[in-house]
């Protein structure tokens, strides 16, 4: 099984990736350091090609509600639009 992990290099994401790999899952890391930017949408299509599931542990560092809502609304819309 191939599983993409959004936020793969973050505090929680690192542990999720490690747990999946210990169970012999193929992991596709989704993180800017791996050439995938959820907010900009760059690299998302290629990263999700052939993926069976996505675990999203992405995060935005802010205490402002509006910034958080904007990030997650935009990132979700960018990466998870249904194929037509």
PDB file of N, CA and C in Angstrom:
ATOM      1  N   UNK A   1       0.843  -1.169   0.000  1.00  0.00           N
ATOM      2  CA  UNK A   1       0.000   0.000   0.000  1.00  0.00           C
ATOM      3  C   UNK A   1       0.893   1.239   0.000  1.00  0.00           C
ATOM      4  N   UNK A   2       0.495   2.234  -0.769  1.00  0.00           N
ATOM      5  CA  UNK A   2       1.218   3.493  -0.834  1.00  0.00           C
ATOM      6  C   UNK A   2       0.389   4.574  -0.147  1.00  0.00           C
ATOM      7  N   UNK A   3       1.003   5.218   0.835  1.00  0.00           N
ATOM      8  CA  UNK A   3       0.308   6.225   1.635  1.00  0.00           C
ATOM      9  C   UNK A   3       1.089   7.535   1.587  1.00  0.00           C
ATOM     10  N   UNK A   4       0.402   8.613   1.242  1.00  0.00           N
ATOM     11  CA  UNK A   4       1.012   9.941   1.272  1.00  0.00           C
ATOM     12  C   UNK A   4       0.781  10.541   2.650  1.00  0.00           C
ATOM     13  N   UNK A   5       1.803  11.208   3.169  1.00  0.00           N
ATOM     14  CA  UNK A   5       1.684  11.872   4.463  1.00  0.00           C
ATOM     15  C   UNK A   5       1.942  13.354   4.257  1.00  0.00           C
ATOM     16  N   UNK A   6       0.879  14.147   4.377  1.00  0.00           N
ATOM     17  CA  UNK A   6       0.995  15.601   4.275  1.00  0.00           C
ATOM     18  C   UNK A   6       1.499  16.117   5.611  1.00  0.00           C
ATOM     19  N   UNK A   7       2.605  16.852   5.565  1.00  0.00           N
ATOM     20  CA  UNK A   7       3.243  17.299   6.797  1.00  0.00           C
ATOM     21  C   UNK A   7       4.231  16.270   7.310  1.00  0.00           C
ATOM     22  N   UNK A   8       4.793  15.500   6.393  1.00  0.00           N
ATOM     23  CA  UNK A   8       5.643  14.362   6.732  1.00  0.00           C
ATOM     24  C   UNK A   8       6.898  14.707   7.521  1.00  0.00           C
ATOM     25  N   UNK A   9       7.377  15.928   7.416  1.00  0.00           N
ATOM     26  CA  UNK A   9       8.617  16.287   8.105  1.00  0.00           C
ATOM     27  C   UNK A   9       8.366  17.040   9.407  1.00  0.00           C
ATOM     28  N   UNK A  10       7.116  17.251   9.752  1.00  0.00           N
ATOM     29  CA  UNK A  10       6.782  17.986  10.968  1.00  0.00           C
ATOM     30  C   UNK A  10       6.888  17.125  12.216  1.00  0.00           C
ATOM     31  N   UNK A  11       6.569  17.723  13.334  1.00  0.00           N
ATOM     32  CA  UNK A  11       6.683  17.053  14.634  1.00  0.00           C
ATOM     33  C   UNK A  11       5.879  15.758  14.671  1.00  0.00           C
ATOM     34  N   UNK A  12       4.647  15.806  14.250  1.00  0.00           N
ATOM     35  CA  UNK A  12       3.794  14.609  14.242  1.00  0.00           C
ATOM     36  C   UNK A  12       4.077  13.758  13.008  1.00  0.00           C
ATOM     37  N   UNK A  13       4.246  14.412  11.868  1.00  0.00           N
ATOM     38  CA  UNK A  13       4.447  13.708  10.611  1.00  0.00           C
ATOM     39  C   UNK A  13       5.624  12.748  10.622  1.00  0.00           C
ATOM     40  N   UNK A  14       6.720  13.136  11.249  1.00  0.00           N
ATOM     41  CA  UNK A  14       7.895  12.258  11.323  1.00  0.00           C
ATOM     42  C   UNK A  14       7.552  10.934  11.986  1.00  0.00           C
ATOM     43  N   UNK A  15       6.737  10.988  13.034  1.00  0.00           N
ATOM     44  CA  UNK A  15       6.347   9.769  13.751  1.00  0.00           C
ATOM     45  C   UNK A  15       5.376   8.924  12.922  1.00  0.00           C
ATOM     46  N   UNK A  16       4.489   9.581  12.204  1.00  0.00           N
ATOM     47  CA  UNK A  16       3.551   8.864  11.337  1.00  0.00           C
ATOM     48  C   UNK A  16       4.319   8.126  10.243  1.00  0.00           C
ATOM     49  N   UNK A  17       5.268   8.814   9.608  1.00  0.00           N
ATOM     50  CA  UNK A  17       6.079   8.198   8.553  1.00  0.00           C
ATOM     51  C   UNK A  17       6.838   6.994   9.102  1.00  0.00           C
ATOM     52  N   UNK A  18       7.458   7.170  10.254  1.00  0.00           N
ATOM     53  CA  UNK A  18       8.216   6.080  10.871  1.00  0.00           C
ATOM     54  C   UNK A  18       7.318   4.878  11.174  1.00  0.00           C
ATOM     55  N   UNK A  19       6.132   5.138  11.713  1.00  0.00           N
ATOM     56  CA  UNK A  19       5.211   4.046  12.040  1.00  0.00           C
ATOM     57  C   UNK A  19       4.754   3.307  10.784  1.00  0.00           C
ATOM     58  N   UNK A  20       4.458   4.052   9.735  1.00  0.00           N
ATOM     59  CA  UNK A  20       4.036   3.418   8.480  1.00  0.00           C
ATOM     60  C   UNK A  20       5.157   2.574   7.882  1.00  0.00           C
ATOM     61  N   UNK A  21       6.352   3.126   7.850  1.00  0.00           N
ATOM     62  CA  UNK A  21       7.489   2.392   7.285  1.00  0.00           C
ATOM     63  C   UNK A  21       7.807   1.143   8.089  1.00  0.00           C
ATOM     64  N   UNK A  22       7.614   1.200   9.404  1.00  0.00           N
ATOM     65  CA  UNK A  22       7.869   0.019  10.234  1.00  0.00           C
ATOM     66  C   UNK A  22       6.861  -1.090   9.931  1.00  0.00           C
ATOM     67  N   UNK A  23       5.750  -0.692   9.315  1.00  0.00           N
ATOM     68  CA  UNK A  23       4.726  -1.663   8.912  1.00  0.00           C
ATOM     69  C   UNK A  23       4.817  -1.975   7.415  1.00  0.00           C
ATOM     70  N   UNK A  24       5.948  -1.584   6.826  1.00  0.00           N
ATOM     71  CA  UNK A  24       6.285  -1.878   5.434  1.00  0.00           C
ATOM     72  C   UNK A  24       5.384  -1.209   4.410  1.00  0.00           C
ATOM     73  N   UNK A  25       4.789  -0.085   4.791  1.00  0.00           N
ATOM     74  CA  UNK A  25       4.006   0.690   3.826  1.00  0.00           C
ATOM     75  C   UNK A  25       4.973   1.544   3.016  1.00  0.00           C
ATOM     76  N   UNK A  26       4.641   1.783   1.775  1.00  0.00           N
ATOM     77  CA  UNK A  26       5.410   2.720   0.949  1.00  0.00           C
ATOM     78  C   UNK A  26       4.865   4.108   1.272  1.00  0.00           C
ATOM     79  N   UNK A  27       5.748   5.016   1.679  1.00  0.00           N
ATOM     80  CA  UNK A  27       5.334   6.350   2.101  1.00  0.00           C
ATOM     81  C   UNK A  27       5.798   7.386   1.091  1.00  0.00           C
ATOM     82  N   UNK A  28       4.885   8.259   0.717  1.00  0.00           N
ATOM     83  CA  UNK A  28       5.206   9.408  -0.126  1.00  0.00           C
ATOM     84  C   UNK A  28       5.111  10.637   0.777  1.00  0.00           C
ATOM     85  N   UNK A  29       6.266  11.231   1.105  1.00  0.00           N
ATOM     86  CA  UNK A  29       6.223  12.411   1.971  1.00  0.00           C
ATOM     87  C   UNK A  29       5.740  13.644   1.215  1.00  0.00           C
ATOM     88  N   UNK A  30       4.799  14.336   1.793  1.00  0.00           N
ATOM     89  CA  UNK A  30       4.318  15.597   1.219  1.00  0.00           C
ATOM     90  C   UNK A  30       4.788  16.710   2.147  1.00  0.00           C
ATOM     91  N   UNK A  31       5.797  17.431   1.663  1.00  0.00           N
ATOM     92  CA  UNK A  31       6.394  18.524   2.424  1.00  0.00           C
ATOM     93  C   UNK A  31       7.166  19.396   1.448  1.00  0.00           C
ATOM     94  N   UNK A  32       7.311  20.665   1.788  1.00  0.00           N
ATOM     95  CA  UNK A  32       8.056  21.571   0.908  1.00  0.00           C
ATOM     96  C   UNK A  32       9.482  21.076   0.674  1.00  0.00           C
ATOM     97  N   UNK A  33      10.080  20.485   1.697  1.00  0.00           N
ATOM     98  CA  UNK A  33      11.456  19.987   1.555  1.00  0.00           C
ATOM     99  C   UNK A  33      11.550  18.799   0.593  1.00  0.00           C
ATOM    100  N   UNK A  34      10.404  18.237   0.225  1.00  0.00           N
ATOM    101  CA  UNK A  34      10.357  17.147  -0.754  1.00  0.00           C
ATOM    102  C   UNK A  34       9.759  17.615  -2.077  1.00  0.00           C
ATOM    103  N   UNK A  35       9.684  18.929  -2.244  1.00  0.00           N
ATOM    104  CA  UNK A  35       9.214  19.499  -3.504  1.00  0.00           C
ATOM    105  C   UNK A  35       7.707  19.575  -3.654  1.00  0.00           C
ATOM    106  N   UNK A  36       6.983  19.432  -2.567  1.00  0.00           N
ATOM    107  CA  UNK A  36       5.525  19.497  -2.625  1.00  0.00           C
ATOM    108  C   UNK A  36       5.050  20.612  -1.688  1.00  0.00           C
ATOM    109  N   UNK A  37       4.329  21.575  -2.248  1.00  0.00           N
ATOM    110  CA  UNK A  37       3.830  22.696  -1.454  1.00  0.00           C
ATOM    111  C   UNK A  37       2.308  22.671  -1.498  1.00  0.00           C
ATOM    112  N   UNK A  38       1.687  22.303  -0.390  1.00  0.00           N
ATOM    113  CA  UNK A  38       0.224  22.206  -0.343  1.00  0.00           C
ATOM    114  C   UNK A  38      -0.456  23.537  -0.606  1.00  0.00           C
ATOM    115  N   UNK A  39       0.094  24.619  -0.062  1.00  0.00           N
ATOM    116  CA  UNK A  39      -0.547  25.919  -0.218  1.00  0.00           C
ATOM    117  C   UNK A  39      -0.470  26.402  -1.658  1.00  0.00           C
ATOM    118  N   UNK A  40       0.705  26.274  -2.269  1.00  0.00           N
ATOM    119  CA  UNK A  40       0.881  26.707  -3.661  1.00  0.00           C
ATOM    120  C   UNK A  40       0.313  25.681  -4.638  1.00  0.00           C
ATOM    121  N   UNK A  41       0.241  24.426  -4.217  1.00  0.00           N
ATOM    122  CA  UNK A  41      -0.250  23.364  -5.094  1.00  0.00           C
ATOM    123  C   UNK A  41       0.832  22.730  -5.944  1.00  0.00           C
ATOM    124  N   UNK A  42       2.064  23.175  -5.816  1.00  0.00           N
ATOM    125  CA  UNK A  42       3.138  22.644  -6.661  1.00  0.00           C
ATOM    126  C   UNK A  42       3.564  21.250  -6.206  1.00  0.00           C
ATOM    127  N   UNK A  43       3.643  20.344  -7.158  1.00  0.00           N
ATOM    128  CA  UNK A  43       4.091  18.984  -6.899  1.00  0.00           C
ATOM    129  C   UNK A  43       3.038  18.046  -6.348  1.00  0.00           C
ATOM    130  N   UNK A  44       1.851  18.562  -6.098  1.00  0.00           N
ATOM    131  CA  UNK A  44       0.809  17.748  -5.465  1.00  0.00           C
ATOM    132  C   UNK A  44       0.336  16.624  -6.385  1.00  0.00           C
ATOM    133  N   UNK A  45       0.033  16.953  -7.633  1.00  0.00           N
ATOM    134  CA  UNK A  45      -0.466  15.924  -8.569  1.00  0.00           C
ATOM    135  C   UNK A  45       0.512  14.761  -8.694  1.00  0.00           C
ATOM    136  N   UNK A  46       1.775  15.073  -8.859  1.00  0.00           N
ATOM    137  CA  UNK A  46       2.793  14.025  -9.004  1.00  0.00           C
ATOM    138  C   UNK A  46       2.922  13.208  -7.723  1.00  0.00           C
ATOM    139  N   UNK A  47       2.875  13.873  -6.578  1.00  0.00           N
ATOM    140  CA  UNK A  47       3.026  13.172  -5.303  1.00  0.00           C
ATOM    141  C   UNK A  47       1.872  12.210  -5.040  1.00  0.00           C
ATOM    142  N   UNK A  48       0.673  12.560  -5.500  1.00  0.00           N
ATOM    143  CA  UNK A  48      -0.492  11.724  -5.219  1.00  0.00           C
ATOM    144  C   UNK A  48      -0.733  10.625  -6.251  1.00  0.00           C
ATOM    145  N   UNK A  49       0.038  10.625  -7.311  1.00  0.00           N
ATOM    146  CA  UNK A  49      -0.127   9.608  -8.351  1.00  0.00           C
ATOM    147  C   UNK A  49       0.179   8.220  -7.785  1.00  0.00           C
ATOM    148  N   UNK A  50      -0.776   7.330  -7.839  1.00  0.00           N
ATOM    149  CA  UNK A  50      -0.596   5.960  -7.366  1.00  0.00           C
ATOM    150  C   UNK A  50      -0.774   5.771  -5.870  1.00  0.00           C
ATOM    151  N   UNK A  51      -1.184   6.806  -5.173  1.00  0.00           N
ATOM    152  CA  UNK A  51      -1.356   6.746  -3.724  1.00  0.00           C
ATOM    153  C   UNK A  51      -2.724   6.150  -3.387  1.00  0.00           C
ATOM    154  N   UNK A  52      -2.751   5.265  -2.405  1.00  0.00           N
ATOM    155  CA  UNK A  52      -3.997   4.627  -1.974  1.00  0.00           C
ATOM    156  C   UNK A  52      -4.728   5.432  -0.910  1.00  0.00           C
ATOM    157  N   UNK A  53      -3.968   6.165  -0.091  1.00  0.00           N
ATOM    158  CA  UNK A  53      -4.564   6.926   1.011  1.00  0.00           C
ATOM    159  C   UNK A  53      -3.675   8.112   1.347  1.00  0.00           C
ATOM    160  N   UNK A  54      -4.282   9.110   1.985  1.00  0.00           N
ATOM    161  CA  UNK A  54      -3.543  10.291   2.433  1.00  0.00           C
ATOM    162  C   UNK A  54      -3.807  10.492   3.917  1.00  0.00           C
ATOM    163  N   UNK A  55      -2.742  10.696   4.664  1.00  0.00           N
ATOM    164  CA  UNK A  55      -2.852  11.073   6.070  1.00  0.00           C
ATOM    165  C   UNK A  55      -2.365  12.510   6.146  1.00  0.00           C
ATOM    166  N   UNK A  56      -3.215  13.390   6.650  1.00  0.00           N
ATOM    167  CA  UNK A  56      -2.879  14.809   6.707  1.00  0.00           C
ATOM    168  C   UNK A  56      -2.581  15.231   8.137  1.00  0.00           C
ATOM    169  N   UNK A  57      -1.309  15.504   8.391  1.00  0.00           N
ATOM    170  CA  UNK A  57      -0.887  16.049   9.681  1.00  0.00           C
ATOM    171  C   UNK A  57      -0.171  17.383   9.452  1.00  0.00           C
ATOM    172  N   UNK A  58      -0.579  18.055   8.365  1.00  0.00           N
ATOM    173  CA  UNK A  58       0.016  19.355   8.058  1.00  0.00           C
ATOM    174  C   UNK A  58      -0.394  20.362   9.125  1.00  0.00           C
ATOM    175  N   UNK A  59       0.338  21.456   9.178  1.00  0.00           N
ATOM    176  CA  UNK A  59       0.101  22.437  10.214  1.00  0.00           C
ATOM    177  C   UNK A  59       0.515  23.816   9.726  1.00  0.00           C
ATOM    178  N   UNK A  60      -0.033  24.816  10.349  1.00  0.00           N
ATOM    179  CA  UNK A  60       0.374  26.198  10.125  1.00  0.00           C
ATOM    180  C   UNK A  60       0.632  26.797  11.507  1.00  0.00           C
ATOM    181  N   UNK A  61       1.729  27.532  11.614  1.00  0.00           N
ATOM    182  CA  UNK A  61       2.093  28.096  12.902  1.00  0.00           C
ATOM    183  C   UNK A  61       1.494  29.489  13.034  1.00  0.00           C
ATOM    184  N   UNK A  62       0.394  29.566  13.755  1.00  0.00           N
ATOM    185  CA  UNK A  62      -0.270  30.836  14.013  1.00  0.00           C
ATOM    186  C   UNK A  62      -1.253  30.649  15.157  1.00  0.00           C
ATOM    187  N   UNK A  63      -1.560  31.730  15.833  1.00  0.00           N
ATOM    188  CA  UNK A  63      -2.633  31.685  16.826  1.00  0.00           C
ATOM    189  C   UNK A  63      -3.834  32.489  16.334  1.00  0.00           C
ATOM    190  N   UNK A  64      -3.717  32.962  15.097  1.00  0.00           N
ATOM    191  CA  UNK A  64      -4.801  33.753  14.517  1.00  0.00           C
ATOM    192  C   UNK A  64      -5.766  32.835  13.778  1.00  0.00           C
ATOM    193  N   UNK A  65      -7.005  32.874  14.193  1.00  0.00           N
ATOM    194  CA  UNK A  65      -8.036  32.014  13.607  1.00  0.00           C
ATOM    195  C   UNK A  65      -8.129  32.203  12.102  1.00  0.00           C
ATOM    196  N   UNK A  66      -8.191  33.431  11.633  1.00  0.00           N
ATOM    197  CA  UNK A  66      -8.357  33.691  10.200  1.00  0.00           C
ATOM    198  C   UNK A  66      -7.218  33.111   9.371  1.00  0.00           C
ATOM    199  N   UNK A  67      -5.981  33.237   9.857  1.00  0.00           N
ATOM    200  CA  UNK A  67      -4.837  32.684   9.121  1.00  0.00           C
ATOM    201  C   UNK A  67      -4.912  31.166   9.054  1.00  0.00           C
ATOM    202  N   UNK A  68      -5.310  30.554  10.152  1.00  0.00           N
ATOM    203  CA  UNK A  68      -5.429  29.103  10.197  1.00  0.00           C
ATOM    204  C   UNK A  68      -6.520  28.609   9.251  1.00  0.00           C
ATOM    205  N   UNK A  69      -7.683  29.242   9.316  1.00  0.00           N
ATOM    206  CA  UNK A  69      -8.795  28.851   8.446  1.00  0.00           C
ATOM    207  C   UNK A  69      -8.405  29.044   6.983  1.00  0.00           C
ATOM    208  N   UNK A  70      -7.766  30.157   6.669  1.00  0.00           N
ATOM    209  CA  UNK A  70      -7.342  30.405   5.289  1.00  0.00           C
ATOM    210  C   UNK A  70      -6.368  29.337   4.807  1.00  0.00           C
ATOM    211  N   UNK A  71      -5.371  28.999   5.639  1.00  0.00           N
ATOM    212  CA  UNK A  71      -4.390  27.981   5.244  1.00  0.00           C
ATOM    213  C   UNK A  71      -5.064  26.653   4.945  1.00  0.00           C
ATOM    214  N   UNK A  72      -5.842  26.146   5.906  1.00  0.00           N
ATOM    215  CA  UNK A  72      -6.430  24.825   5.723  1.00  0.00           C
ATOM    216  C   UNK A  72      -7.490  24.801   4.627  1.00  0.00           C
ATOM    217  N   UNK A  73      -8.252  25.848   4.477  1.00  0.00           N
ATOM    218  CA  UNK A  73      -9.239  25.915   3.394  1.00  0.00           C
ATOM    219  C   UNK A  73      -8.536  25.906   2.042  1.00  0.00           C
ATOM    220  N   UNK A  74      -7.507  26.727   1.908  1.00  0.00           N
ATOM    221  CA  UNK A  74      -6.791  26.814   0.631  1.00  0.00           C
ATOM    222  C   UNK A  74      -6.017  25.524   0.336  1.00  0.00           C
ATOM    223  N   UNK A  75      -5.285  25.023   1.331  1.00  0.00           N
ATOM    224  CA  UNK A  75      -4.484  23.815   1.127  1.00  0.00           C
ATOM    225  C   UNK A  75      -5.356  22.614   0.785  1.00  0.00           C
ATOM    226  N   UNK A  76      -6.481  22.483   1.460  1.00  0.00           N
ATOM    227  CA  UNK A  76      -7.375  21.370   1.169  1.00  0.00           C
ATOM    228  C   UNK A  76      -7.954  21.477  -0.233  1.00  0.00           C
ATOM    229  N   UNK A  77      -8.326  22.676  -0.620  1.00  0.00           N
ATOM    230  CA  UNK A  77      -8.859  22.892  -1.962  1.00  0.00           C
ATOM    231  C   UNK A  77      -7.827  22.669  -3.051  1.00  0.00           C
ATOM    232  N   UNK A  78      -6.583  22.980  -2.748  1.00  0.00           N
ATOM    233  CA  UNK A  78      -5.497  22.819  -3.712  1.00  0.00           C
ATOM    234  C   UNK A  78      -5.152  21.353  -3.934  1.00  0.00           C
ATOM    235  N   UNK A  79      -5.089  20.604  -2.850  1.00  0.00           N
ATOM    236  CA  UNK A  79      -4.594  19.232  -2.985  1.00  0.00           C
ATOM    237  C   UNK A  79      -5.683  18.193  -3.140  1.00  0.00           C
ATOM    238  N   UNK A  80      -6.868  18.538  -2.849  1.00  0.00           N
ATOM    239  CA  UNK A  80      -7.884  17.478  -2.772  1.00  0.00           C
ATOM    240  C   UNK A  80      -9.085  17.703  -3.668  1.00  0.00           C
ATOM    241  N   UNK A  81      -8.922  18.463  -4.717  1.00  0.00           N
ATOM    242  CA  UNK A  81     -10.025  18.630  -5.649  1.00  0.00           C
ATOM    243  C   UNK A  81     -10.237  17.326  -6.395  1.00  0.00           C
ATOM    244  N   UNK A  82     -11.479  16.884  -6.523  1.00  0.00           N
ATOM    245  CA  UNK A  82     -11.733  15.627  -7.227  1.00  0.00           C
ATOM    246  C   UNK A  82     -11.366  15.734  -8.699  1.00  0.00           C
ATOM    247  N   UNK A  83     -10.828  14.648  -9.206  1.00  0.00           N
ATOM    248  CA  UNK A  83     -10.488  14.593 -10.631  1.00  0.00           C
ATOM    249  C   UNK A  83     -11.762  14.538 -11.454  1.00  0.00           C
ATOM    250  N   UNK A  84     -11.762  15.201 -12.587  1.00  0.00           N
ATOM    251  CA  UNK A  84     -12.948  15.226 -13.451  1.00  0.00           C
ATOM    252  C   UNK A  84     -12.698  14.373 -14.684  1.00  0.00           C
TER     253      UNK A  84
END
